[in-house]
Each structure stands twice: as structure tokens, then as C-alpha cells.
Protein backbone atom coordinates (compact mmCIF):
# COMPACT_ATOMS: atom_id res chain seq x y z
CA UNK A 1 0.00 0.00 0.00
CA UNK A 2 1.24 3.57 -0.62
CA UNK A 3 3.13 5.16 2.27
CA UNK A 4 2.68 8.90 2.54
CA UNK A 5 5.69 11.22 2.75
CA UNK A 6 3.62 13.12 5.34
CA UNK A 7 4.23 10.45 7.98
CA UNK A 8 6.15 11.64 11.03
CA UNK A 9 8.81 9.36 12.57
CA UNK A 10 6.33 8.17 15.22
CA UNK A 11 3.70 7.41 12.60
CA UNK A 12 6.24 5.51 10.53
CA UNK A 13 6.90 3.34 13.58
CA UNK A 14 3.18 2.84 14.14
CA UNK A 15 2.31 2.04 10.53
CA UNK A 16 5.23 -0.37 10.20
CA UNK A 17 4.23 -2.20 13.39
CA UNK A 18 0.55 -2.39 12.39
CA UNK A 19 1.37 -3.75 8.95
CA UNK A 20 3.75 -6.35 10.36
CA UNK A 21 1.20 -7.55 12.92
CA UNK A 22 -1.52 -7.42 10.25
CA UNK A 23 0.31 -10.04 8.20
CA UNK A 24 0.38 -12.34 11.22
CA UNK A 25 -3.33 -11.81 11.88
CA UNK A 26 -4.16 -12.60 8.26
CA UNK A 27 -2.41 -15.95 8.65
CA UNK A 28 -4.46 -16.65 11.80
CA UNK A 29 -7.62 -15.51 10.01
CA UNK A 30 -6.98 -18.03 7.25
CA UNK A 31 -6.87 -20.78 9.89
CA UNK A 32 -9.47 -19.38 12.25
CA UNK A 33 -11.11 -22.77 12.89
CA UNK A 34 -8.00 -23.93 14.77
CA UNK A 35 -7.72 -20.91 17.09
CA UNK A 36 -8.29 -21.32 20.82
CA UNK A 37 -10.96 -18.87 22.02
CA UNK A 38 -12.08 -18.03 25.54
CA UNK A 39 -14.95 -15.87 26.75
CA UNK A 40 -14.43 -12.81 28.95
CA UNK A 41 -18.19 -12.25 29.27
CA UNK A 42 -21.38 -12.03 27.24
CA UNK A 43 -20.40 -11.32 23.63
CA UNK A 44 -16.78 -10.65 24.67
CA UNK A 45 -14.09 -13.04 23.46
CA UNK A 46 -10.32 -13.28 23.40
CA UNK A 47 -8.42 -15.54 21.03
CA UNK A 48 -4.86 -16.71 20.63
CA UNK A 49 -4.70 -14.20 17.78
CA UNK A 50 -5.52 -11.26 20.12
CA UNK A 51 -2.82 -12.28 22.57
CA UNK A 52 -0.15 -12.92 19.95
CA UNK A 53 -0.97 -9.68 18.13
CA UNK A 54 -0.73 -7.55 21.28
CA UNK A 55 2.54 -9.20 22.28
CA UNK A 56 3.98 -8.51 18.83
CA UNK A 57 2.73 -4.90 18.84
CA UNK A 58 4.19 -4.24 22.27
CA UNK A 59 7.50 -5.73 21.15
CA UNK A 60 7.68 -3.66 17.96
CA UNK A 61 6.60 -0.39 19.59
CA UNK A 62 8.82 -0.81 22.66
CA UNK A 63 11.83 -1.56 20.49
CA UNK A 64 11.33 1.61 18.47
CA UNK A 65 10.30 3.86 21.39
CA UNK A 66 11.66 2.28 24.59
CA UNK A 67 10.72 5.24 26.78
CA UNK A 68 7.04 5.26 25.84
CA UNK A 69 4.31 3.65 27.94
CA UNK A 70 1.78 1.24 26.44
CA UNK A 71 -1.86 0.71 27.40
CA UNK A 72 -3.35 -2.40 25.81
CA UNK A 73 -6.62 -4.30 25.96
CA UNK A 74 -5.12 -7.64 26.92
CA UNK A 75 -1.93 -6.65 28.75
CA UNK A 76 -2.94 -3.51 30.64
CA UNK A 77 -0.48 -0.71 31.38
CA UNK A 78 3.22 -1.05 30.64
CA UNK A 79 5.51 1.76 31.84
CA UNK A 80 5.41 4.13 34.79
CA UNK A 81 2.60 6.47 35.77
CA UNK A 82 4.68 9.53 34.89
CA UNK A 83 4.87 8.74 31.17
CA UNK A 84 5.17 11.56 28.62
CA UNK A 85 4.06 9.54 25.59
CA UNK A 86 1.83 6.48 25.46
CA UNK A 87 0.66 4.01 22.81
CA UNK A 88 -2.99 2.97 23.31
CA UNK A 89 -3.38 -0.43 21.67
CA UNK A 90 -6.25 -2.66 20.62
CA UNK A 91 -4.50 -5.51 18.80
CA UNK A 92 -7.69 -6.96 17.33
CA UNK A 93 -10.83 -4.86 17.44
CA UNK A 94 -13.71 -6.98 16.20
CA UNK A 95 -12.66 -10.32 17.67
CA UNK A 96 -16.17 -11.78 17.34
CA UNK A 97 -16.12 -11.00 13.61
CA UNK A 98 -12.61 -12.46 13.35
CA UNK A 99 -13.44 -15.80 14.97
CA UNK A 100 -16.56 -16.14 12.80
CA UNK A 101 -14.60 -15.57 9.59
CA UNK A 102 -16.05 -12.11 8.92
CA UNK A 103 -13.38 -9.81 7.38
CA UNK A 104 -14.34 -6.72 9.38
CA UNK A 105 -11.74 -6.28 12.13
CA UNK A 106 -8.78 -4.04 12.71
CA UNK A 107 -5.62 -3.17 14.59
CA UNK A 108 -6.08 0.15 16.38
CA UNK A 109 -3.28 2.18 17.96
CA UNK A 110 -3.51 5.73 19.26
CA UNK A 111 -0.73 8.05 20.41
CA UNK A 112 -1.37 9.96 23.63
CA UNK A 113 0.80 12.84 24.87
CA UNK A 114 0.90 14.26 28.40
CA UNK A 115 0.57 18.05 28.28
CA UNK A 116 0.31 18.72 32.05
CA UNK A 117 0.12 16.87 35.35
CA UNK A 118 -3.61 16.37 34.89
CA UNK A 119 -4.18 16.53 31.15
CA UNK A 120 -3.27 14.41 28.14
CA UNK A 121 -4.24 14.67 24.49
CA UNK A 122 -4.55 12.27 21.58
CA UNK A 123 -2.24 13.38 18.79
CA UNK A 124 -2.13 10.50 16.29
CA UNK A 125 -3.74 7.21 15.44
CA UNK A 126 -3.90 4.31 13.04
CA UNK A 127 -6.74 1.88 12.30
CA UNK A 128 -5.67 -0.91 9.95
CA UNK A 129 -7.95 -3.53 8.42
CA UNK A 130 -5.57 -6.03 6.79
CA UNK A 131 -8.39 -8.09 5.24
CA UNK A 132 -9.50 -5.07 3.19
CA UNK A 133 -5.97 -3.60 2.87
CA UNK A 134 -7.25 -0.31 4.30
CA UNK A 135 -4.97 1.78 6.51
CA UNK A 136 -6.69 4.74 8.14
CA UNK A 137 -4.28 7.14 9.85
CA UNK A 138 -4.25 10.66 11.22
CA UNK A 139 -2.01 13.13 13.00
CA UNK A 140 -3.10 16.27 14.79
CA UNK A 141 -2.78 19.27 12.48
CA UNK A 142 -1.87 17.16 9.43
CA UNK A 143 -5.18 15.52 8.53
CA UNK A 144 -6.78 12.10 8.20
CA UNK A 145 -6.02 9.67 5.40
CA UNK A 146 -7.03 6.31 3.95
CA UNK A 147 -3.78 4.85 2.66
CA UNK A 148 -2.59 8.02 0.87
CA UNK A 149 -5.99 9.66 0.17
CA UNK A 150 -7.16 12.60 2.26
CA UNK A 151 -10.37 11.98 4.20
CA UNK A 152 -13.28 14.28 5.00
CA UNK A 153 -16.45 13.53 6.93
CA UNK A 154 -19.67 13.43 4.94
CA UNK A 155 -21.47 16.59 3.89
CA UNK A 156 -25.02 15.33 4.54
CA UNK A 157 -27.27 17.65 6.51
CA UNK A 158 -30.64 15.88 6.39
CA UNK A 159 -31.34 13.24 9.05
CA UNK A 160 -33.65 11.40 6.64
CA UNK A 161 -30.66 10.73 4.38
CA UNK A 162 -28.22 9.89 7.18
CA UNK A 163 -26.63 6.53 7.93
CA UNK A 164 -25.39 6.04 11.49
CA UNK A 165 -23.40 3.31 13.21
CA UNK A 166 -23.49 2.00 16.76
CA UNK A 167 -22.60 -0.91 19.00
CA UNK A 168 -25.13 -3.12 20.79
CA UNK A 169 -24.46 -3.62 24.52
CA UNK A 170 -24.56 -7.19 25.84
CA UNK A 171 -23.82 -7.25 29.55
CA UNK A 172 -25.17 -4.22 31.45
CA UNK A 173 -28.95 -3.92 31.86
CA UNK A 174 -28.89 -0.11 32.00
CA UNK A 175 -26.81 0.13 28.82
CA UNK A 176 -29.30 -2.13 27.03
CA UNK A 177 -32.19 0.09 28.11
CA UNK A 178 -30.38 3.27 27.02
CA UNK A 179 -29.54 1.71 23.67
CA UNK A 180 -33.14 0.60 23.08
CA UNK A 181 -34.53 3.99 24.04
CA UNK A 182 -32.09 5.78 21.73
CA UNK A 183 -32.69 3.42 18.82
CA UNK A 184 -36.47 3.77 19.12
CA UNK A 185 -36.13 7.55 18.85
CA UNK A 186 -33.54 7.56 16.09
CA UNK A 187 -34.75 4.98 13.58
CA UNK A 188 -37.87 6.87 12.40
CA UNK A 189 -35.69 9.90 11.63
CA UNK A 190 -32.88 8.35 9.54
CA UNK A 191 -32.05 6.28 6.47
CA UNK A 192 -30.48 3.48 8.50
CA UNK A 193 -28.49 2.30 11.50
CA UNK A 194 -25.65 -0.23 11.20
CA UNK A 195 -23.90 -2.45 13.75
CA UNK A 196 -20.78 -3.99 12.19
CA UNK A 197 -18.92 -4.98 15.35
CA UNK A 198 -15.74 -2.85 15.43
CA UNK A 199 -15.74 0.52 17.18
CA UNK A 200 -12.36 1.42 15.68
CA UNK A 201 -13.62 0.86 12.13
CA UNK A 202 -16.91 2.62 12.89
CA UNK A 203 -14.93 5.74 13.80
CA UNK A 204 -12.66 5.35 10.78
CA UNK A 205 -15.69 5.05 8.52
CA UNK A 206 -17.16 8.24 9.97
CA UNK A 207 -13.87 9.95 9.11
CA UNK A 208 -14.12 8.51 5.58
CA UNK A 209 -17.69 9.77 5.12
CA UNK A 210 -19.15 6.27 4.85
CA UNK A 211 -21.17 6.85 8.01
CA UNK A 212 -22.60 10.23 8.93
CA UNK A 213 -22.19 9.57 12.64
CA UNK A 214 -21.65 6.99 15.36
CA UNK A 215 -22.56 6.57 19.00
CA UNK A 216 -21.84 3.99 21.66
CA UNK A 217 -21.77 3.82 25.46
CA UNK A 218 -19.33 2.00 27.74
CA UNK A 219 -16.31 1.92 25.43
CA UNK A 220 -12.70 1.54 26.52
CA UNK A 221 -9.82 3.88 25.69
CA UNK A 222 -8.18 1.38 23.34
CA UNK A 223 -11.45 1.09 21.39
CA UNK A 224 -11.54 4.77 20.50
CA UNK A 225 -8.11 6.42 20.91
CA UNK A 226 -7.08 6.21 17.25
CA UNK A 227 -10.58 6.80 15.90
CA UNK A 228 -11.04 10.04 17.83
CA UNK A 229 -8.03 11.54 16.07
CA UNK A 230 -9.28 10.29 12.70
CA UNK A 231 -12.72 11.88 13.07
CA UNK A 232 -11.38 15.19 14.34
CA UNK A 233 -8.75 15.46 11.63
CA UNK A 234 -11.38 14.65 8.98
CA UNK A 235 -13.44 17.63 10.14
CA UNK A 236 -15.88 15.79 12.41
CA UNK A 237 -17.07 16.42 15.95
CA UNK A 238 -16.58 14.14 18.97
CA UNK A 239 -18.31 14.66 22.32
CA UNK A 240 -20.03 12.77 25.09
CA UNK A 241 -23.87 12.61 24.96
CA UNK A 242 -24.11 15.82 27.02
CA UNK A 243 -21.87 17.69 24.58
CA UNK A 244 -18.83 17.59 26.89
CA UNK A 245 -15.35 16.13 26.68
CA UNK A 246 -15.57 13.16 29.08
CA UNK A 247 -15.86 10.62 26.25
CA UNK A 248 -12.26 9.38 26.44
CA UNK A 249 -12.39 8.83 30.21
CA UNK A 250 -16.01 7.67 30.50
CA UNK A 251 -16.34 5.80 27.19
CA UNK A 252 -19.69 7.34 26.19
CA UNK A 253 -19.17 8.81 22.75
CA UNK A 254 -21.13 10.54 19.98
CA UNK A 255 -19.44 11.68 16.78
CA UNK A 256 -20.44 12.84 13.34
CA UNK A 257 -20.18 15.53 10.73
CA UNK A 258 -20.73 19.09 11.99
CA UNK A 259 -24.28 19.31 10.63
CA UNK A 260 -25.62 16.03 12.02
CA UNK A 261 -23.59 15.54 15.19
CA UNK A 262 -25.74 17.92 17.29
CA UNK A 263 -28.92 16.15 16.16
CA UNK A 264 -27.54 12.67 16.86
CA UNK A 265 -26.18 13.80 20.23
CA UNK A 266 -29.59 15.18 21.22
CA UNK A 267 -31.31 11.89 20.38
CA UNK A 268 -28.75 9.89 22.40
CA UNK A 269 -29.07 12.27 25.35
CA UNK A 270 -32.87 12.00 25.21
CA UNK A 271 -32.65 8.21 25.24
CA UNK A 272 -30.41 8.22 28.28
CA UNK A 273 -32.60 10.76 30.07
CA UNK A 274 -35.73 8.71 29.43
CA UNK A 275 -34.18 5.64 31.06
CA UNK A 276 -32.96 7.65 34.03
CA UNK A 277 -36.42 9.17 34.48
CA UNK A 278 -38.08 5.75 34.35
CA UNK A 279 -35.68 4.37 36.95
CA UNK A 280 -36.24 7.37 39.20
CA UNK A 281 -40.00 6.89 38.96
CA UNK A 282 -39.64 3.24 40.02
CA UNK A 283 -37.38 4.05 42.99
């Protein structure tokens, strides 16, 4: 795939590591029937492929940037609490798709920088789907790209023409109720809602203009770190359902193009509020 001359040294490290691990995952994907898989909870799996991919990513990234911390889905935090730079790694986002032979999964790695004792910011990210040979990447102030093509969020303004993405919660009762309440309000207003099973690719596809927006509650940092940078650098908006900036810490995220994000955010907030009101009335 084309490699852009725009890539910074850190992004070159990231892209090289993702592509190397992607080749290994493709080999596992071709022999998926023989993988050992365990369940971490309802609808939440981990495979040998996840574990091997994260180990390989950590090895590649640590070798190139030995002073950087790493936060990963399977291995937790590596490096001290006083880190200045941190990789945020999901070695295989979309494991359920992967183990069912569905070619919609990705390696997601974000770059987080500490800017003060209490504040960090996401400055770069990469979401790579080896099965489709699509590398989504972005750096703050440089832009978002698919392979070597510049990305922009969609220009749609009419909810009736909009296509949104989401994730369906499995474990928490309250999350299920909030999802159902939001979906019931949203579906009559839009062209469609999709659930493809990879938060990282959902965000990348918003950046690419394939989706007009995306929302999900209860996400982890490694699910969204790279995608947040992609959407922002493609001209999109990212907030929590209340319009604030707690989405990275709390995992409740709404994003979209500038015209439709406020409308999607309002529907999600209304769905959450309706569930909270119903619970308060039953208390």
C-alpha cells in the first residue's frame, strides 16, 4: 500500500508495526477454525490471535520507542505512571467477527501525549484492516487519510438521508435500556443504522464519510483512541452525549459531521434521560 511522505517518525513506527502484525493476523484468520478462544463475558471473546498480536505490537513499539508507555486491551499498562508519551493499543478490534470468519476487524493504535500533570491529548492514530488492505491514519494538524488519500467527513445535513453506526451492549442492563430507548427515537428519523462490530472501524468510517455519525456507550480507551483523532482530523465532531469532553475517560461517545452531530447527540441524550427518568419513577 502507498506510504505517505507526510508520515512523522512516530507514525512511521506505528504504521510499520501495524502492517507487520496485520500479516500475522491474516495468517491466523486463514486458519481461524483452529484458534483457541475463551470468553471474557457475554459477547466478549479473546483468542490466541488477540494475545499474539498484542505481544507482537508491544515488542515492535517498545523496540522503536523504549521510553514510551503502552496501554493495551489484553496486557494492561506497561511503563510508569509519569509517562510523557503512550501508545494505546487494541491488537484486534472486532474479535467476534474475526473468529466467525467475517473480514471486518482491525488493529487500532492511538498516540497519547501528556501536556500537564492532569491533562493528556490524543495526537495521532492508526486503524488498519488487513483483510481489506485499508490503513486509516491521522495526526493532529496534518489531517486524516485512507492509505494516501485525504479523508473528509460526509457533507449530509438531512437526518432522513443519514446513515449512522453503533454498537449493541450485551452485559449491562442499564446500557441495554439506554440503547433501546435511543434506537427507538432515532430509527424513524434516519435512512439506516448499522452495527458492524468494530468501534475502531466505525470511527474510521465516519472519518471517511461512509457513516454520517456513530454513538456507543461504555467503550474503553483502546477502542476509541485512534478513531477520535481520525474523526477530528477529517473535520468531524466528537463529544459525550451531554456535549462535553468526558468521552475518552467515560467511554460514552457521539461523533459525526458538523451538521448532524448535534442532532444525533440530542437523540442519544434524550434516550439516556428517558431511562434515568423511568428508573427514578420506580425508585
